[in-house]
Amino acid sequence: MLTARRLFVAMSCPRFLLLLLCLVLLPLATFAQQNDAAATQAAASDPAPAQPQIPEWRSTAGYRFQAIAQTTADLQNLAHAMNLRELCANRRVPDAFVRQQLDRFGRITGREEDCQTLLEY
């Protein structure tokens, strides 16, 4: 049976944890905002170099396989290209819509895309 004291303890425990969590996270959020503002000011004052120099110890020239991120991007482009090939083959889809989708895909890949270039994926 719940007594008044047990009920008070049971009700105050989540409140206490919530209060403790707020007291810990509030200074961290303020600190992060200050660091973001300082980083933004530093980035705005320093001109960005055109091409950063890669240190010799970080060279990946001898790697047999690409980075996972590049492989993921290639597979996503492949899936997108396959969907666009279906749009190209379907005569019920308006030409303007197909052209718009090809232009969007071209902005992603950085090259001019048409229904023939999709065969390269």
Protein backbone atom coordinates (compact mmCIF):
# COMPACT_ATOMS: atom_id res chain seq x y z
CA MET A 1 0.00 0.00 0.00
CA LEU A 2 1.28 3.43 -0.93
CA THR A 3 1.68 5.78 1.94
CA ALA A 4 1.90 9.51 1.53
CA ARG A 5 5.65 9.44 2.11
CA ARG A 6 6.27 6.71 -0.52
CA LEU A 7 4.04 8.54 -2.97
CA PHE A 8 6.00 11.76 -2.42
CA VAL A 9 9.33 9.97 -2.97
CA ALA A 10 8.03 8.20 -6.08
CA MET A 11 6.72 11.46 -7.53
CA SER A 12 9.76 13.57 -6.65
CA CYS A 13 12.40 11.18 -8.03
CA PRO A 14 11.62 11.86 -11.74
CA ARG A 15 11.33 15.57 -10.99
CA PHE A 16 14.69 15.54 -9.26
CA LEU A 17 16.31 13.72 -12.18
CA LEU A 18 14.77 16.16 -14.64
CA LEU A 19 16.01 19.12 -12.61
CA LEU A 20 19.47 17.60 -12.34
CA LEU A 21 19.55 16.94 -16.08
CA CYS A 22 18.55 20.55 -16.83
CA LEU A 23 21.18 21.91 -14.47
CA VAL A 24 23.89 19.84 -16.16
CA LEU A 25 22.85 20.45 -19.77
CA LEU A 26 22.17 24.19 -19.55
CA PRO A 27 25.82 25.18 -18.97
CA LEU A 28 26.93 22.77 -21.69
CA ALA A 29 24.53 24.32 -24.20
CA THR A 30 25.74 27.81 -23.33
CA PHE A 31 29.36 26.71 -23.65
CA ALA A 32 28.66 25.13 -27.05
CA GLN A 33 26.97 28.29 -28.32
CA GLN A 34 29.95 30.40 -27.25
CA ASN A 35 32.36 28.04 -29.01
CA ASP A 36 30.23 28.06 -32.16
CA ALA A 37 30.20 31.85 -32.20
CA ALA A 38 33.97 31.98 -31.72
CA ALA A 39 34.54 29.39 -34.46
CA THR A 40 32.27 31.30 -36.84
CA GLN A 41 34.19 34.53 -36.23
CA ALA A 42 37.52 32.78 -36.73
CA ALA A 43 36.32 31.14 -39.94
CA ALA A 44 35.02 34.43 -41.29
CA SER A 45 38.34 36.20 -40.66
CA ASP A 46 40.55 33.50 -42.25
CA PRO A 47 40.37 33.10 -46.03
CA ALA A 48 39.90 29.46 -47.01
CA PRO A 49 42.66 27.97 -49.18
CA ALA A 50 41.65 26.74 -52.62
CA GLN A 51 42.91 23.18 -52.08
CA PRO A 52 44.10 22.01 -48.66
CA GLN A 53 47.42 20.22 -48.59
CA ILE A 54 47.15 16.59 -47.52
CA PRO A 55 50.01 15.51 -45.26
CA GLU A 56 52.12 12.61 -46.47
CA TRP A 57 51.09 10.44 -43.53
CA ARG A 58 47.45 10.73 -44.62
CA SER A 59 47.97 9.68 -48.24
CA THR A 60 45.58 6.96 -49.44
CA ALA A 61 47.22 6.44 -52.83
CA GLY A 62 48.02 2.78 -52.13
CA TYR A 63 44.54 1.82 -50.94
CA ARG A 64 43.02 -1.06 -52.86
CA PHE A 65 39.41 0.02 -52.23
CA GLN A 66 37.68 3.41 -52.10
CA ALA A 67 36.48 5.00 -48.90
CA ILE A 68 33.12 3.79 -47.63
CA ALA A 69 31.59 7.22 -48.19
CA GLN A 70 32.56 7.17 -51.86
CA THR A 71 31.16 3.66 -52.30
CA THR A 72 27.93 4.73 -50.61
CA ALA A 73 27.63 7.75 -52.91
CA ASP A 74 28.27 5.56 -55.96
CA LEU A 75 25.56 3.11 -54.92
CA GLN A 76 23.09 5.94 -54.26
CA ASN A 77 23.83 7.40 -57.69
CA LEU A 78 23.34 3.96 -59.22
CA ALA A 79 19.92 3.58 -57.57
CA HIS A 80 18.91 7.08 -58.67
CA ALA A 81 20.11 6.40 -62.21
CA MET A 82 18.10 3.18 -62.38
CA ASN A 83 14.94 5.05 -61.34
CA LEU A 84 15.65 7.71 -63.95
CA ARG A 85 16.15 5.02 -66.61
CA GLU A 86 12.65 3.78 -65.82
CA LEU A 87 11.32 7.33 -66.22
CA CYS A 88 13.12 7.64 -69.57
CA ALA A 89 11.66 4.36 -70.81
CA ASN A 90 8.09 5.15 -69.70
CA ARG A 91 6.41 7.18 -72.46
CA ARG A 92 3.51 8.12 -70.18
CA VAL A 93 5.83 10.36 -68.12
CA PRO A 94 5.94 13.91 -69.54
CA ASP A 95 9.22 14.96 -71.16
CA ALA A 96 9.43 18.14 -69.08
CA PHE A 97 9.32 16.12 -65.85
CA VAL A 98 12.00 13.71 -67.08
CA ARG A 99 14.22 16.62 -68.12
CA GLN A 100 13.75 18.26 -64.70
CA GLN A 101 14.71 15.04 -62.89
CA LEU A 102 17.75 14.56 -65.13
CA ASP A 103 18.87 18.14 -64.41
CA ARG A 104 18.54 17.55 -60.66
CA PHE A 105 20.56 14.36 -60.91
CA GLY A 106 23.15 16.21 -62.96
CA ARG A 107 23.55 18.76 -60.16
CA ILE A 108 24.22 15.87 -57.77
CA THR A 109 26.77 14.14 -60.01
CA GLY A 110 28.35 17.30 -61.39
CA ARG A 111 27.88 16.35 -65.04
CA GLU A 112 25.29 16.80 -67.73
CA GLU A 113 22.90 13.86 -67.65
CA ASP A 114 20.54 12.53 -70.28
CA CYS A 115 18.90 9.16 -70.85
CA GLN A 116 22.01 7.82 -72.61
CA THR A 117 24.52 8.84 -69.91
CA LEU A 118 22.48 6.90 -67.35
CA LEU A 119 23.77 3.70 -68.96
CA GLU A 120 27.23 4.45 -67.54
CA TYR A 121 26.06 3.77 -64.00
